[in-house]
Amino acid sequence: MRLLRRLELVKLAEKSKVAAGEMNELLRHSVEVSASSVEKLELMVPEVLRSGEMMNHIVASNNELVSGANMVNQSIVELNRISQESIVVAEKLANESNDLDSMSLSIVDQVKFFKQEV
């Protein structure tokens, strides 16, 4: 019986040794995968940072475009206001020109009248 127990213990020890070897191999592989992952992450971090900087530049450029578009829009509004004022002034000038034309015709008629009298 002791011999049987010893054989069982030897078999169990061999299985434990094999399992420990497999565990060591798995751990070694896990360490390799982790090291590889760290290397890949170290390569990615600068690229992610560069992408973030590029996004910041894009946002800044977009803000400048929006600001420029707002300035153009304000200029168009101001130009429209000035154009409306010019139309009003032009209409007033046209009316005054018509009034002056009527007045000049009246003066011409009056001068003719006085020339005939003299």
N, C-alpha and C. Protein backbone atom coordinates (compact mmCIF):
# COMPACT_ATOMS: atom_id res chain seq x y z
N MET A 1 0.81 -1.17 0.00
CA MET A 1 0.00 0.00 0.00
C MET A 1 0.86 1.26 0.00
N ARG A 2 1.95 1.17 0.76
CA ARG A 2 2.85 2.31 0.76
C ARG A 2 3.45 2.54 -0.62
N LEU A 3 3.73 1.48 -1.27
CA LEU A 3 4.30 1.59 -2.60
C LEU A 3 3.29 2.25 -3.56
N LEU A 4 2.05 1.87 -3.39
CA LEU A 4 0.98 2.45 -4.21
C LEU A 4 0.85 3.94 -3.93
N ARG A 5 0.94 4.28 -2.67
CA ARG A 5 0.86 5.71 -2.31
C ARG A 5 2.06 6.47 -2.87
N ARG A 6 3.20 5.85 -2.78
CA ARG A 6 4.38 6.52 -3.32
C ARG A 6 4.25 6.73 -4.82
N LEU A 7 3.76 5.73 -5.52
CA LEU A 7 3.56 5.85 -6.96
C LEU A 7 2.55 6.96 -7.28
N GLU A 8 1.50 7.00 -6.50
CA GLU A 8 0.50 8.06 -6.68
C GLU A 8 1.12 9.43 -6.40
N LEU A 9 1.93 9.48 -5.34
CA LEU A 9 2.60 10.74 -5.01
C LEU A 9 3.58 11.14 -6.11
N VAL A 10 4.28 10.18 -6.67
CA VAL A 10 5.24 10.46 -7.74
C VAL A 10 4.48 10.96 -8.97
N LYS A 11 3.37 10.29 -9.31
CA LYS A 11 2.55 10.72 -10.45
C LYS A 11 1.99 12.12 -10.22
N LEU A 12 1.50 12.34 -9.00
CA LEU A 12 0.96 13.66 -8.66
C LEU A 12 2.05 14.72 -8.73
N ALA A 13 3.24 14.38 -8.27
CA ALA A 13 4.37 15.31 -8.33
C ALA A 13 4.73 15.61 -9.78
N GLU A 14 4.72 14.57 -10.63
CA GLU A 14 5.03 14.77 -12.05
C GLU A 14 3.98 15.65 -12.71
N LYS A 15 2.71 15.40 -12.40
CA LYS A 15 1.64 16.23 -12.95
C LYS A 15 1.78 17.68 -12.46
N SER A 16 2.10 17.84 -11.19
CA SER A 16 2.30 19.17 -10.64
C SER A 16 3.47 19.87 -11.32
N LYS A 17 4.54 19.08 -11.60
CA LYS A 17 5.71 19.65 -12.26
C LYS A 17 5.34 20.10 -13.68
N VAL A 18 4.58 19.25 -14.39
CA VAL A 18 4.14 19.59 -15.74
C VAL A 18 3.23 20.83 -15.69
N ALA A 19 2.29 20.84 -14.73
CA ALA A 19 1.38 21.98 -14.61
C ALA A 19 2.16 23.24 -14.26
N ALA A 20 3.15 23.13 -13.39
CA ALA A 20 3.98 24.29 -13.03
C ALA A 20 4.75 24.77 -14.25
N GLY A 21 5.24 23.87 -15.06
CA GLY A 21 5.95 24.25 -16.29
C GLY A 21 5.02 24.97 -17.26
N GLU A 22 3.80 24.44 -17.38
CA GLU A 22 2.83 25.09 -18.25
C GLU A 22 2.48 26.49 -17.74
N MET A 23 2.34 26.58 -16.40
CA MET A 23 2.03 27.88 -15.80
C MET A 23 3.18 28.85 -16.03
N ASN A 24 4.42 28.35 -15.88
CA ASN A 24 5.58 29.21 -16.14
C ASN A 24 5.60 29.67 -17.60
N GLU A 25 5.29 28.75 -18.50
CA GLU A 25 5.26 29.11 -19.93
C GLU A 25 4.16 30.15 -20.19
N LEU A 26 2.99 29.95 -19.58
CA LEU A 26 1.91 30.92 -19.75
C LEU A 26 2.29 32.27 -19.16
N LEU A 27 2.93 32.26 -18.00
CA LEU A 27 3.37 33.51 -17.38
C LEU A 27 4.41 34.20 -18.25
N ARG A 28 5.37 33.42 -18.77
CA ARG A 28 6.39 33.99 -19.64
C ARG A 28 5.74 34.61 -20.88
N HIS A 29 4.81 33.89 -21.45
CA HIS A 29 4.09 34.40 -22.63
C HIS A 29 3.31 35.68 -22.26
N SER A 30 2.67 35.68 -21.09
CA SER A 30 1.93 36.86 -20.64
C SER A 30 2.86 38.06 -20.48
N VAL A 31 4.04 37.81 -19.95
CA VAL A 31 5.02 38.89 -19.78
C VAL A 31 5.44 39.41 -21.16
N GLU A 32 5.67 38.51 -22.11
CA GLU A 32 6.04 38.93 -23.46
C GLU A 32 4.93 39.76 -24.10
N VAL A 33 3.70 39.30 -23.96
CA VAL A 33 2.56 40.03 -24.52
C VAL A 33 2.44 41.40 -23.86
N SER A 34 2.60 41.44 -22.55
CA SER A 34 2.53 42.71 -21.83
C SER A 34 3.63 43.66 -22.29
N ALA A 35 4.85 43.13 -22.44
CA ALA A 35 5.97 43.96 -22.89
C ALA A 35 5.70 44.48 -24.30
N SER A 36 5.16 43.61 -25.15
CA SER A 36 4.84 44.03 -26.51
C SER A 36 3.75 45.11 -26.50
N SER A 37 2.77 44.93 -25.63
CA SER A 37 1.70 45.92 -25.51
C SER A 37 2.24 47.26 -25.04
N VAL A 38 3.15 47.23 -24.09
CA VAL A 38 3.77 48.46 -23.58
C VAL A 38 4.52 49.16 -24.71
N GLU A 39 5.28 48.38 -25.49
CA GLU A 39 6.03 48.97 -26.61
C GLU A 39 5.07 49.62 -27.61
N LYS A 40 4.00 48.93 -27.91
CA LYS A 40 3.03 49.48 -28.87
C LYS A 40 2.38 50.74 -28.31
N LEU A 41 2.04 50.72 -27.03
CA LEU A 41 1.45 51.91 -26.41
C LEU A 41 2.43 53.07 -26.40
N GLU A 42 3.70 52.77 -26.14
CA GLU A 42 4.71 53.83 -26.14
C GLU A 42 4.84 54.45 -27.53
N LEU A 43 4.64 53.64 -28.57
CA LEU A 43 4.67 54.16 -29.94
C LEU A 43 3.41 54.97 -30.25
N MET A 44 2.30 54.57 -29.66
CA MET A 44 1.03 55.22 -29.94
C MET A 44 0.88 56.56 -29.22
N VAL A 45 1.43 56.67 -28.03
CA VAL A 45 1.23 57.88 -27.22
C VAL A 45 1.66 59.14 -27.97
N PRO A 46 2.85 59.19 -28.58
CA PRO A 46 3.21 60.41 -29.31
C PRO A 46 2.24 60.73 -30.46
N GLU A 47 1.78 59.66 -31.12
CA GLU A 47 0.83 59.87 -32.22
C GLU A 47 -0.50 60.41 -31.70
N VAL A 48 -0.95 59.90 -30.58
CA VAL A 48 -2.19 60.40 -29.98
C VAL A 48 -2.01 61.86 -29.57
N LEU A 49 -0.87 62.19 -28.98
CA LEU A 49 -0.60 63.58 -28.60
C LEU A 49 -0.55 64.48 -29.83
N ARG A 50 0.10 63.99 -30.89
CA ARG A 50 0.18 64.77 -32.13
C ARG A 50 -1.22 64.97 -32.72
N SER A 51 -2.04 63.93 -32.65
CA SER A 51 -3.42 64.05 -33.15
C SER A 51 -4.18 65.10 -32.33
N GLY A 52 -3.97 65.10 -31.02
CA GLY A 52 -4.61 66.10 -30.17
C GLY A 52 -4.18 67.51 -30.54
N GLU A 53 -2.88 67.69 -30.81
CA GLU A 53 -2.38 69.00 -31.22
C GLU A 53 -3.00 69.42 -32.55
N MET A 54 -3.11 68.46 -33.46
CA MET A 54 -3.71 68.76 -34.76
C MET A 54 -5.18 69.16 -34.59
N MET A 55 -5.87 68.47 -33.71
CA MET A 55 -7.27 68.82 -33.44
C MET A 55 -7.36 70.23 -32.88
N ASN A 56 -6.42 70.59 -31.99
CA ASN A 56 -6.41 71.95 -31.44
C ASN A 56 -6.19 72.98 -32.54
N HIS A 57 -5.29 72.67 -33.49
CA HIS A 57 -5.05 73.58 -34.61
C HIS A 57 -6.29 73.69 -35.49
N ILE A 58 -6.96 72.58 -35.70
CA ILE A 58 -8.19 72.59 -36.51
C ILE A 58 -9.25 73.44 -35.84
N VAL A 59 -9.40 73.27 -34.52
CA VAL A 59 -10.39 74.07 -33.78
C VAL A 59 -10.05 75.55 -33.87
N ALA A 60 -8.76 75.89 -33.70
CA ALA A 60 -8.34 77.29 -33.77
C ALA A 60 -8.61 77.85 -35.18
N SER A 61 -8.30 77.07 -36.21
CA SER A 61 -8.55 77.52 -37.58
C SER A 61 -10.04 77.70 -37.83
N ASN A 62 -10.83 76.79 -37.32
CA ASN A 62 -12.27 76.89 -37.47
C ASN A 62 -12.80 78.14 -36.78
N ASN A 63 -12.28 78.43 -35.58
CA ASN A 63 -12.70 79.64 -34.87
C ASN A 63 -12.33 80.89 -35.67
N GLU A 64 -11.15 80.89 -36.29
CA GLU A 64 -10.75 82.02 -37.12
C GLU A 64 -11.69 82.17 -38.32
N LEU A 65 -12.06 81.04 -38.93
CA LEU A 65 -12.99 81.09 -40.07
C LEU A 65 -14.34 81.64 -39.64
N VAL A 66 -14.82 81.21 -38.49
CA VAL A 66 -16.11 81.70 -38.00
C VAL A 66 -16.02 83.21 -37.74
N SER A 67 -14.91 83.63 -37.12
CA SER A 67 -14.72 85.05 -36.85
C SER A 67 -14.69 85.85 -38.16
N GLY A 68 -13.96 85.35 -39.15
CA GLY A 68 -13.90 86.01 -40.45
C GLY A 68 -15.26 86.07 -41.12
N ALA A 69 -16.01 84.97 -41.04
CA ALA A 69 -17.35 84.94 -41.64
C ALA A 69 -18.26 85.95 -40.94
N ASN A 70 -18.13 86.07 -39.63
CA ASN A 70 -18.93 87.05 -38.90
C ASN A 70 -18.57 88.47 -39.32
N MET A 71 -17.28 88.72 -39.53
CA MET A 71 -16.85 90.05 -39.97
C MET A 71 -17.39 90.36 -41.37
N VAL A 72 -17.34 89.37 -42.26
CA VAL A 72 -17.89 89.57 -43.60
C VAL A 72 -19.38 89.84 -43.52
N ASN A 73 -20.08 89.08 -42.68
CA ASN A 73 -21.51 89.27 -42.52
C ASN A 73 -21.81 90.67 -42.00
N GLN A 74 -21.06 91.14 -41.01
CA GLN A 74 -21.26 92.49 -40.48
C GLN A 74 -21.00 93.53 -41.56
N SER A 75 -19.98 93.30 -42.38
CA SER A 75 -19.67 94.23 -43.46
C SER A 75 -20.81 94.29 -44.47
N ILE A 76 -21.38 93.13 -44.78
CA ILE A 76 -22.51 93.09 -45.73
C ILE A 76 -23.71 93.83 -45.15
N VAL A 77 -23.98 93.64 -43.88
CA VAL A 77 -25.09 94.34 -43.22
C VAL A 77 -24.85 95.85 -43.28
N GLU A 78 -23.62 96.27 -42.99
CA GLU A 78 -23.28 97.70 -43.02
C GLU A 78 -23.41 98.24 -44.44
N LEU A 79 -22.94 97.48 -45.43
CA LEU A 79 -23.04 97.89 -46.83
C LEU A 79 -24.51 98.02 -47.23
N ASN A 80 -25.34 97.11 -46.80
CA ASN A 80 -26.77 97.17 -47.09
C ASN A 80 -27.38 98.42 -46.47
N ARG A 81 -27.00 98.73 -45.22
CA ARG A 81 -27.53 99.92 -44.55
C ARG A 81 -27.12 101.18 -45.32
N ILE A 82 -25.86 101.23 -45.72
CA ILE A 82 -25.36 102.40 -46.46
C ILE A 82 -26.06 102.51 -47.82
N SER A 83 -26.28 101.38 -48.46
CA SER A 83 -26.98 101.38 -49.76
C SER A 83 -28.40 101.91 -49.60
N GLN A 84 -29.08 101.49 -48.54
CA GLN A 84 -30.44 101.99 -48.28
C GLN A 84 -30.43 103.50 -48.06
N GLU A 85 -29.44 103.96 -47.28
CA GLU A 85 -29.34 105.40 -47.04
C GLU A 85 -29.06 106.13 -48.36
N SER A 86 -28.21 105.57 -49.21
CA SER A 86 -27.89 106.19 -50.50
C SER A 86 -29.14 106.28 -51.38
N ILE A 87 -29.97 105.24 -51.33
CA ILE A 87 -31.21 105.26 -52.12
C ILE A 87 -32.10 106.40 -51.65
N VAL A 88 -32.23 106.57 -50.34
CA VAL A 88 -33.06 107.64 -49.78
C VAL A 88 -32.51 109.00 -50.21
N VAL A 89 -31.17 109.16 -50.10
CA VAL A 89 -30.54 110.43 -50.49
C VAL A 89 -30.74 110.68 -51.98
N ALA A 90 -30.58 109.65 -52.79
CA ALA A 90 -30.75 109.79 -54.24
C ALA A 90 -32.18 110.21 -54.57
N GLU A 91 -33.16 109.62 -53.88
CA GLU A 91 -34.56 110.00 -54.11
C GLU A 91 -34.79 111.46 -53.73
N LYS A 92 -34.21 111.88 -52.62
CA LYS A 92 -34.36 113.28 -52.20
C LYS A 92 -33.72 114.20 -53.23
N LEU A 93 -32.52 113.83 -53.71
CA LEU A 93 -31.85 114.64 -54.73
C LEU A 93 -32.68 114.71 -56.01
N ALA A 94 -33.28 113.59 -56.40
CA ALA A 94 -34.11 113.58 -57.60
C ALA A 94 -35.30 114.50 -57.42
N ASN A 95 -35.93 114.45 -56.26
CA ASN A 95 -37.08 115.32 -55.99
C ASN A 95 -36.65 116.79 -55.99
N GLU A 96 -35.53 117.06 -55.35
CA GLU A 96 -35.04 118.44 -55.32
C GLU A 96 -34.64 118.91 -56.72
N SER A 97 -34.08 118.01 -57.51
CA SER A 97 -33.72 118.34 -58.90
C SER A 97 -34.98 118.69 -59.69
N ASN A 98 -36.03 117.91 -59.49
CA ASN A 98 -37.30 118.20 -60.17
C ASN A 98 -37.84 119.55 -59.71
N ASP A 99 -37.74 119.82 -58.40
CA ASP A 99 -38.20 121.10 -57.87
C ASP A 99 -37.40 122.25 -58.49
N LEU A 100 -36.05 122.06 -58.56
CA LEU A 100 -35.21 123.10 -59.15
C LEU A 100 -35.53 123.29 -60.62
N ASP A 101 -35.82 122.21 -61.31
CA ASP A 101 -36.17 122.29 -62.73
C ASP A 101 -37.45 123.10 -62.89
N SER A 102 -38.44 122.80 -62.05
CA SER A 102 -39.70 123.56 -62.10
C SER A 102 -39.44 125.02 -61.77
N MET A 103 -38.62 125.27 -60.78
CA MET A 103 -38.32 126.65 -60.40
C MET A 103 -37.60 127.39 -61.53
N SER A 104 -36.66 126.70 -62.19
CA SER A 104 -35.92 127.34 -63.28
C SER A 104 -36.85 127.67 -64.44
N LEU A 105 -37.80 126.76 -64.73
CA LEU A 105 -38.77 127.05 -65.79
C LEU A 105 -39.62 128.26 -65.42
N SER A 106 -39.98 128.33 -64.16
CA SER A 106 -40.77 129.46 -63.69
C SER A 106 -39.97 130.75 -63.80
N ILE A 107 -38.70 130.70 -63.44
CA ILE A 107 -37.85 131.89 -63.53
C ILE A 107 -37.68 132.31 -64.99
N VAL A 108 -37.49 131.34 -65.88
CA VAL A 108 -37.35 131.64 -67.30
C VAL A 108 -38.62 132.35 -67.79
N ASP A 109 -39.77 131.83 -67.37
CA ASP A 109 -41.05 132.45 -67.78
C ASP A 109 -41.14 133.87 -67.23
N GLN A 110 -40.72 134.06 -65.99
CA GLN A 110 -40.78 135.40 -65.38
C GLN A 110 -39.82 136.36 -66.09
N VAL A 111 -38.63 135.88 -66.43
CA VAL A 111 -37.67 136.72 -67.13
C VAL A 111 -38.24 137.10 -68.50
N LYS A 112 -38.86 136.17 -69.19
CA LYS A 112 -39.47 136.45 -70.49
C LYS A 112 -40.55 137.52 -70.34
N PHE A 113 -41.33 137.40 -69.26
CA PHE A 113 -42.41 138.34 -69.03
C PHE A 113 -41.84 139.75 -68.85
N PHE A 114 -40.77 139.86 -68.05
CA PHE A 114 -40.19 141.16 -67.80
C PHE A 114 -39.47 141.70 -69.04
N LYS A 115 -38.95 140.84 -69.86
CA LYS A 115 -38.28 141.30 -71.07
C LYS A 115 -39.32 141.88 -72.04
N GLN A 116 -40.47 141.29 -72.06
CA GLN A 116 -41.52 141.77 -72.95
C GLN A 116 -42.03 143.12 -72.46
N GLU A 117 -42.05 143.32 -71.16
CA GLU A 117 -42.52 144.55 -70.59
C GLU A 117 -41.57 145.70 -70.89
N VAL A 118 -40.35 145.40 -70.93
CA VAL A 118 -39.36 146.46 -71.09
C VAL A 118 -39.20 146.81 -72.52
